[in-house]
Amino acid sequence: MFKSEKSILLVEDDTSTRLIIQKGISNWGFKILSVSSGEEAIKVINMITPALALIDISLPGIDGITLAEMLIEKNINAIVLMTAEKNYSNNPALKNHKVICKPFNSNELKEIVKQTTFVFD
């Protein structure tokens, strides 16, 4: 498996949200591995280990929390979950994960990516 220190796996089922996030991240010099489901994400991580996985919690099929746990089992620990749920801190399943609340701006996303990956110059 190839490890890429400048790649981000983006898992978001909403096409417009995925494209907006993808555009922002690519401007920061990261290679984007963009998929719309947990099942697609699993196929990607069998080929490459991303520096960070940015995962929507509400995915069809394999949900984001389950996917995050699967990634941890594969030693991919730089994970940020995205949610529109304002009271996510009340969700015990999220207590061990970094979470960013949608909608977020580019600066908020960049800061959490920076904190999680330590890859920015």
N, C-alpha and C. Protein backbone atom coordinates (compact mmCIF):
# COMPACT_ATOMS: atom_id res chain seq x y z
N MET A 1 0.85 -1.18 0.00
CA MET A 1 0.00 0.00 0.00
C MET A 1 0.89 1.24 0.00
N PHE A 2 0.57 2.22 -0.79
CA PHE A 2 1.32 3.45 -0.93
C PHE A 2 0.83 4.47 0.09
N LYS A 3 1.75 5.09 0.82
CA LYS A 3 1.38 6.14 1.77
C LYS A 3 1.70 7.49 1.15
N SER A 4 0.72 8.34 1.09
CA SER A 4 0.91 9.68 0.55
C SER A 4 0.71 10.70 1.65
N GLU A 5 1.76 11.45 1.95
CA GLU A 5 1.69 12.43 3.03
C GLU A 5 0.99 13.71 2.60
N LYS A 6 0.70 13.86 1.33
CA LYS A 6 0.01 15.06 0.87
C LYS A 6 -1.31 14.71 0.19
N SER A 7 -1.95 13.65 0.65
CA SER A 7 -3.25 13.29 0.08
C SER A 7 -4.31 13.28 1.16
N ILE A 8 -5.51 13.64 0.75
CA ILE A 8 -6.66 13.64 1.65
C ILE A 8 -7.77 12.83 1.00
N LEU A 9 -8.30 11.90 1.76
CA LEU A 9 -9.47 11.15 1.33
C LEU A 9 -10.69 11.93 1.77
N LEU A 10 -11.48 12.37 0.82
CA LEU A 10 -12.71 13.12 1.09
C LEU A 10 -13.89 12.21 0.79
N VAL A 11 -14.72 11.97 1.82
CA VAL A 11 -15.88 11.09 1.67
C VAL A 11 -17.12 11.93 1.98
N GLU A 12 -17.84 12.31 0.94
CA GLU A 12 -19.01 13.18 1.06
C GLU A 12 -20.01 12.80 -0.02
N ASP A 13 -21.24 12.46 0.38
CA ASP A 13 -22.23 12.01 -0.60
C ASP A 13 -22.91 13.15 -1.34
N ASP A 14 -22.89 14.36 -0.81
CA ASP A 14 -23.52 15.49 -1.48
C ASP A 14 -22.52 16.06 -2.50
N THR A 15 -22.89 15.97 -3.77
CA THR A 15 -21.98 16.35 -4.85
C THR A 15 -21.50 17.78 -4.74
N SER A 16 -22.40 18.74 -4.52
CA SER A 16 -21.99 20.14 -4.49
C SER A 16 -21.06 20.41 -3.30
N THR A 17 -21.36 19.84 -2.14
CA THR A 17 -20.50 20.01 -0.97
C THR A 17 -19.13 19.39 -1.24
N ARG A 18 -19.13 18.21 -1.82
CA ARG A 18 -17.87 17.52 -2.12
C ARG A 18 -17.01 18.36 -3.06
N LEU A 19 -17.61 18.93 -4.09
CA LEU A 19 -16.84 19.73 -5.06
C LEU A 19 -16.29 21.00 -4.43
N ILE A 20 -17.06 21.64 -3.57
CA ILE A 20 -16.59 22.86 -2.89
C ILE A 20 -15.40 22.55 -1.99
N ILE A 21 -15.52 21.50 -1.19
CA ILE A 21 -14.43 21.11 -0.29
C ILE A 21 -13.21 20.70 -1.11
N GLN A 22 -13.44 19.92 -2.13
CA GLN A 22 -12.36 19.44 -2.99
C GLN A 22 -11.58 20.60 -3.59
N LYS A 23 -12.28 21.60 -4.08
CA LYS A 23 -11.63 22.76 -4.68
C LYS A 23 -10.77 23.49 -3.66
N GLY A 24 -11.31 23.69 -2.47
CA GLY A 24 -10.56 24.39 -1.43
C GLY A 24 -9.30 23.65 -1.02
N ILE A 25 -9.42 22.37 -0.80
CA ILE A 25 -8.28 21.57 -0.36
C ILE A 25 -7.21 21.49 -1.44
N SER A 26 -7.62 21.35 -2.69
CA SER A 26 -6.63 21.24 -3.77
C SER A 26 -5.81 22.52 -3.89
N ASN A 27 -6.38 23.66 -3.52
CA ASN A 27 -5.65 24.93 -3.53
C ASN A 27 -4.54 24.96 -2.48
N TRP A 28 -4.59 24.05 -1.52
CA TRP A 28 -3.58 24.00 -0.46
C TRP A 28 -2.45 23.03 -0.79
N GLY A 29 -2.48 22.45 -1.97
CA GLY A 29 -1.40 21.57 -2.40
C GLY A 29 -1.60 20.10 -2.11
N PHE A 30 -2.78 19.72 -1.67
CA PHE A 30 -3.06 18.32 -1.39
C PHE A 30 -3.61 17.63 -2.63
N LYS A 31 -3.31 16.36 -2.77
CA LYS A 31 -3.97 15.52 -3.76
C LYS A 31 -5.27 15.06 -3.12
N ILE A 32 -6.37 15.17 -3.82
CA ILE A 32 -7.67 14.80 -3.29
C ILE A 32 -8.11 13.46 -3.85
N LEU A 33 -8.48 12.57 -2.97
CA LEU A 33 -9.08 11.29 -3.33
C LEU A 33 -10.54 11.43 -2.91
N SER A 34 -11.40 11.75 -3.85
CA SER A 34 -12.77 12.14 -3.56
C SER A 34 -13.75 11.03 -3.93
N VAL A 35 -14.55 10.60 -2.95
CA VAL A 35 -15.54 9.55 -3.18
C VAL A 35 -16.85 9.94 -2.50
N SER A 36 -17.93 9.25 -2.88
CA SER A 36 -19.25 9.61 -2.37
C SER A 36 -19.84 8.59 -1.40
N SER A 37 -19.09 7.54 -1.06
CA SER A 37 -19.65 6.55 -0.13
C SER A 37 -18.54 5.87 0.67
N GLY A 38 -18.95 5.26 1.76
CA GLY A 38 -18.01 4.50 2.57
C GLY A 38 -17.44 3.31 1.82
N GLU A 39 -18.27 2.69 1.02
CA GLU A 39 -17.82 1.54 0.23
C GLU A 39 -16.71 1.94 -0.74
N GLU A 40 -16.87 3.08 -1.40
CA GLU A 40 -15.83 3.58 -2.31
C GLU A 40 -14.56 3.93 -1.54
N ALA A 41 -14.74 4.49 -0.35
CA ALA A 41 -13.59 4.86 0.48
C ALA A 41 -12.75 3.64 0.84
N ILE A 42 -13.40 2.54 1.14
CA ILE A 42 -12.68 1.31 1.49
C ILE A 42 -11.83 0.84 0.31
N LYS A 43 -12.37 0.94 -0.91
CA LYS A 43 -11.59 0.57 -2.09
C LYS A 43 -10.34 1.44 -2.22
N VAL A 44 -10.49 2.73 -1.95
CA VAL A 44 -9.36 3.66 -2.06
C VAL A 44 -8.29 3.32 -1.02
N ILE A 45 -8.70 3.09 0.23
CA ILE A 45 -7.70 2.86 1.27
C ILE A 45 -7.01 1.50 1.14
N ASN A 46 -7.55 0.63 0.31
CA ASN A 46 -6.85 -0.62 0.03
C ASN A 46 -5.68 -0.39 -0.94
N MET A 47 -5.65 0.80 -1.57
CA MET A 47 -4.59 1.13 -2.52
C MET A 47 -3.64 2.20 -2.00
N ILE A 48 -4.13 3.11 -1.17
CA ILE A 48 -3.32 4.24 -0.72
C ILE A 48 -3.70 4.59 0.72
N THR A 49 -2.73 5.03 1.48
CA THR A 49 -2.98 5.50 2.84
C THR A 49 -2.92 7.02 2.82
N PRO A 50 -4.04 7.69 2.97
CA PRO A 50 -4.03 9.15 2.92
C PRO A 50 -3.46 9.76 4.20
N ALA A 51 -3.00 11.00 4.09
CA ALA A 51 -2.54 11.74 5.26
C ALA A 51 -3.71 12.05 6.19
N LEU A 52 -4.90 12.19 5.61
CA LEU A 52 -6.09 12.56 6.37
C LEU A 52 -7.32 12.00 5.67
N ALA A 53 -8.28 11.58 6.46
CA ALA A 53 -9.60 11.21 5.93
C ALA A 53 -10.60 12.22 6.46
N LEU A 54 -11.28 12.89 5.57
CA LEU A 54 -12.31 13.87 5.90
C LEU A 54 -13.64 13.23 5.51
N ILE A 55 -14.46 12.88 6.51
CA ILE A 55 -15.61 12.00 6.28
C ILE A 55 -16.91 12.62 6.78
N ASP A 56 -17.91 12.66 5.92
CA ASP A 56 -19.25 13.06 6.33
C ASP A 56 -19.83 11.95 7.20
N ILE A 57 -20.49 12.32 8.27
CA ILE A 57 -21.07 11.32 9.18
C ILE A 57 -22.26 10.62 8.54
N SER A 58 -23.10 11.38 7.85
CA SER A 58 -24.34 10.84 7.29
C SER A 58 -24.13 10.37 5.86
N LEU A 59 -23.61 9.17 5.72
CA LEU A 59 -23.40 8.58 4.40
C LEU A 59 -24.40 7.45 4.19
N PRO A 60 -24.82 7.22 2.95
CA PRO A 60 -25.64 6.03 2.69
C PRO A 60 -24.77 4.78 2.82
N GLY A 61 -25.35 3.68 3.18
CA GLY A 61 -24.57 2.45 3.34
C GLY A 61 -23.74 2.52 4.61
N ILE A 62 -22.43 2.40 4.46
CA ILE A 62 -21.54 2.49 5.62
C ILE A 62 -21.49 3.95 6.06
N ASP A 63 -21.96 4.24 7.28
CA ASP A 63 -21.98 5.62 7.75
C ASP A 63 -20.57 6.08 8.13
N GLY A 64 -20.42 7.38 8.32
CA GLY A 64 -19.11 7.96 8.58
C GLY A 64 -18.44 7.48 9.85
N ILE A 65 -19.20 7.27 10.91
CA ILE A 65 -18.61 6.81 12.17
C ILE A 65 -18.08 5.39 12.01
N THR A 66 -18.85 4.53 11.38
CA THR A 66 -18.40 3.15 11.14
C THR A 66 -17.17 3.15 10.24
N LEU A 67 -17.18 3.98 9.21
CA LEU A 67 -16.03 4.08 8.31
C LEU A 67 -14.80 4.54 9.08
N ALA A 68 -14.96 5.53 9.94
CA ALA A 68 -13.82 6.02 10.74
C ALA A 68 -13.23 4.90 11.58
N GLU A 69 -14.08 4.10 12.19
CA GLU A 69 -13.59 2.98 13.00
C GLU A 69 -12.85 1.95 12.13
N MET A 70 -13.34 1.74 10.92
CA MET A 70 -12.67 0.81 10.00
C MET A 70 -11.29 1.35 9.60
N LEU A 71 -11.19 2.66 9.40
CA LEU A 71 -9.91 3.26 9.04
C LEU A 71 -8.91 3.15 10.18
N ILE A 72 -9.39 3.35 11.40
CA ILE A 72 -8.52 3.23 12.57
C ILE A 72 -7.95 1.82 12.65
N GLU A 73 -8.77 0.82 12.34
CA GLU A 73 -8.29 -0.57 12.33
C GLU A 73 -7.18 -0.77 11.30
N LYS A 74 -7.14 0.09 10.27
CA LYS A 74 -6.10 0.01 9.24
C LYS A 74 -4.97 1.01 9.52
N ASN A 75 -4.92 1.50 10.76
CA ASN A 75 -3.89 2.45 11.21
C ASN A 75 -3.93 3.79 10.49
N ILE A 76 -5.11 4.19 10.05
CA ILE A 76 -5.31 5.54 9.53
C ILE A 76 -6.01 6.31 10.64
N ASN A 77 -5.23 7.14 11.33
CA ASN A 77 -5.75 7.79 12.53
C ASN A 77 -6.02 9.27 12.37
N ALA A 78 -5.56 9.87 11.28
CA ALA A 78 -5.83 11.28 11.03
C ALA A 78 -7.18 11.38 10.34
N ILE A 79 -8.22 11.54 11.17
CA ILE A 79 -9.60 11.51 10.68
C ILE A 79 -10.35 12.71 11.22
N VAL A 80 -11.09 13.38 10.34
CA VAL A 80 -11.98 14.45 10.75
C VAL A 80 -13.37 14.09 10.23
N LEU A 81 -14.33 14.09 11.13
CA LEU A 81 -15.72 13.83 10.74
C LEU A 81 -16.44 15.14 10.54
N MET A 82 -17.29 15.19 9.51
CA MET A 82 -18.08 16.38 9.21
C MET A 82 -19.54 16.09 9.54
N THR A 83 -20.20 17.06 10.17
CA THR A 83 -21.60 16.88 10.51
C THR A 83 -22.34 18.21 10.43
N ALA A 84 -23.62 18.14 10.12
CA ALA A 84 -24.48 19.32 10.18
C ALA A 84 -25.21 19.36 11.53
N GLU A 85 -24.99 18.34 12.35
CA GLU A 85 -25.63 18.24 13.66
C GLU A 85 -24.97 19.23 14.62
N LYS A 86 -25.70 20.24 15.04
CA LYS A 86 -25.15 21.30 15.89
C LYS A 86 -24.77 20.79 17.28
N ASN A 87 -25.49 19.82 17.79
CA ASN A 87 -25.22 19.30 19.13
C ASN A 87 -24.42 18.01 19.08
N TYR A 88 -23.45 17.96 18.18
CA TYR A 88 -22.68 16.72 18.02
C TYR A 88 -21.90 16.34 19.27
N SER A 89 -21.60 17.31 20.13
CA SER A 89 -20.83 16.99 21.34
C SER A 89 -21.62 16.10 22.28
N ASN A 90 -22.94 16.02 22.09
CA ASN A 90 -23.78 15.13 22.90
C ASN A 90 -23.78 13.69 22.39
N ASN A 91 -23.18 13.47 21.23
CA ASN A 91 -23.17 12.14 20.62
C ASN A 91 -21.94 11.37 21.11
N PRO A 92 -22.13 10.36 21.94
CA PRO A 92 -20.98 9.63 22.50
C PRO A 92 -20.11 8.95 21.45
N ALA A 93 -20.67 8.64 20.29
CA ALA A 93 -19.89 7.98 19.24
C ALA A 93 -18.84 8.92 18.64
N LEU A 94 -19.00 10.22 18.87
CA LEU A 94 -18.07 11.20 18.29
C LEU A 94 -17.00 11.66 19.26
N LYS A 95 -17.06 11.23 20.50
CA LYS A 95 -16.17 11.78 21.52
C LYS A 95 -14.69 11.53 21.25
N ASN A 96 -14.35 10.49 20.52
CA ASN A 96 -12.94 10.18 20.25
C ASN A 96 -12.46 10.68 18.89
N HIS A 97 -13.27 11.50 18.23
CA HIS A 97 -12.92 11.96 16.89
C HIS A 97 -12.90 13.48 16.83
N LYS A 98 -12.08 14.00 15.91
CA LYS A 98 -12.15 15.43 15.60
C LYS A 98 -13.39 15.61 14.73
N VAL A 99 -14.12 16.68 15.00
CA VAL A 99 -15.37 16.93 14.28
C VAL A 99 -15.40 18.39 13.84
N ILE A 100 -15.86 18.62 12.62
CA ILE A 100 -16.11 19.97 12.15
C ILE A 100 -17.58 20.05 11.76
N CYS A 101 -18.22 21.13 12.19
CA CYS A 101 -19.66 21.28 11.98
C CYS A 101 -19.93 22.07 10.70
N LYS A 102 -20.79 21.50 9.85
CA LYS A 102 -21.21 22.17 8.62
C LYS A 102 -22.32 23.16 8.94
N PRO A 103 -22.40 24.25 8.25
CA PRO A 103 -21.44 24.69 7.25
C PRO A 103 -20.19 25.27 7.93
N PHE A 104 -19.05 25.08 7.31
CA PHE A 104 -17.81 25.64 7.82
C PHE A 104 -17.16 26.45 6.71
N ASN A 105 -16.29 27.38 7.10
CA ASN A 105 -15.61 28.17 6.08
C ASN A 105 -14.22 27.59 5.81
N SER A 106 -13.58 28.13 4.81
CA SER A 106 -12.28 27.63 4.37
C SER A 106 -11.24 27.70 5.48
N ASN A 107 -11.25 28.79 6.25
CA ASN A 107 -10.27 28.93 7.33
C ASN A 107 -10.46 27.89 8.42
N GLU A 108 -11.71 27.60 8.77
CA GLU A 108 -11.99 26.57 9.78
C GLU A 108 -11.51 25.21 9.30
N LEU A 109 -11.79 24.90 8.04
CA LEU A 109 -11.37 23.62 7.49
C LEU A 109 -9.84 23.54 7.43
N LYS A 110 -9.21 24.60 6.97
CA LYS A 110 -7.74 24.60 6.88
C LYS A 110 -7.11 24.40 8.25
N GLU A 111 -7.66 25.02 9.27
CA GLU A 111 -7.10 24.90 10.62
C GLU A 111 -7.22 23.47 11.14
N ILE A 112 -8.37 22.83 10.95
CA ILE A 112 -8.51 21.46 11.45
C ILE A 112 -7.67 20.49 10.63
N VAL A 113 -7.50 20.74 9.34
CA VAL A 113 -6.61 19.91 8.52
C VAL A 113 -5.18 20.08 9.01
N LYS A 114 -4.80 21.31 9.28
CA LYS A 114 -3.44 21.60 9.78
C LYS A 114 -3.20 20.91 11.12
N GLN A 115 -4.15 21.01 12.03
CA GLN A 115 -4.02 20.38 13.36
C GLN A 115 -3.94 18.87 13.26
N THR A 116 -4.63 18.31 12.31
CA THR A 116 -4.74 16.86 12.22
C THR A 116 -3.59 16.22 11.44
N THR A 117 -3.08 16.91 10.43
CA THR A 117 -2.07 16.29 9.57
C THR A 117 -0.65 16.73 9.84
N PHE A 118 -0.46 17.93 10.31
CA PHE A 118 0.87 18.50 10.52
C PHE A 118 1.68 18.52 9.22
N VAL A 119 1.00 18.64 8.07
CA VAL A 119 1.67 18.56 6.78
C VAL A 119 1.89 19.93 6.14
N PHE A 120 1.21 20.96 6.63
CA PHE A 120 1.37 22.28 6.02
C PHE A 120 2.79 22.78 6.23
N ASP A 121 3.31 23.49 5.23
CA ASP A 121 4.66 24.07 5.34
C ASP A 121 4.65 25.24 6.29
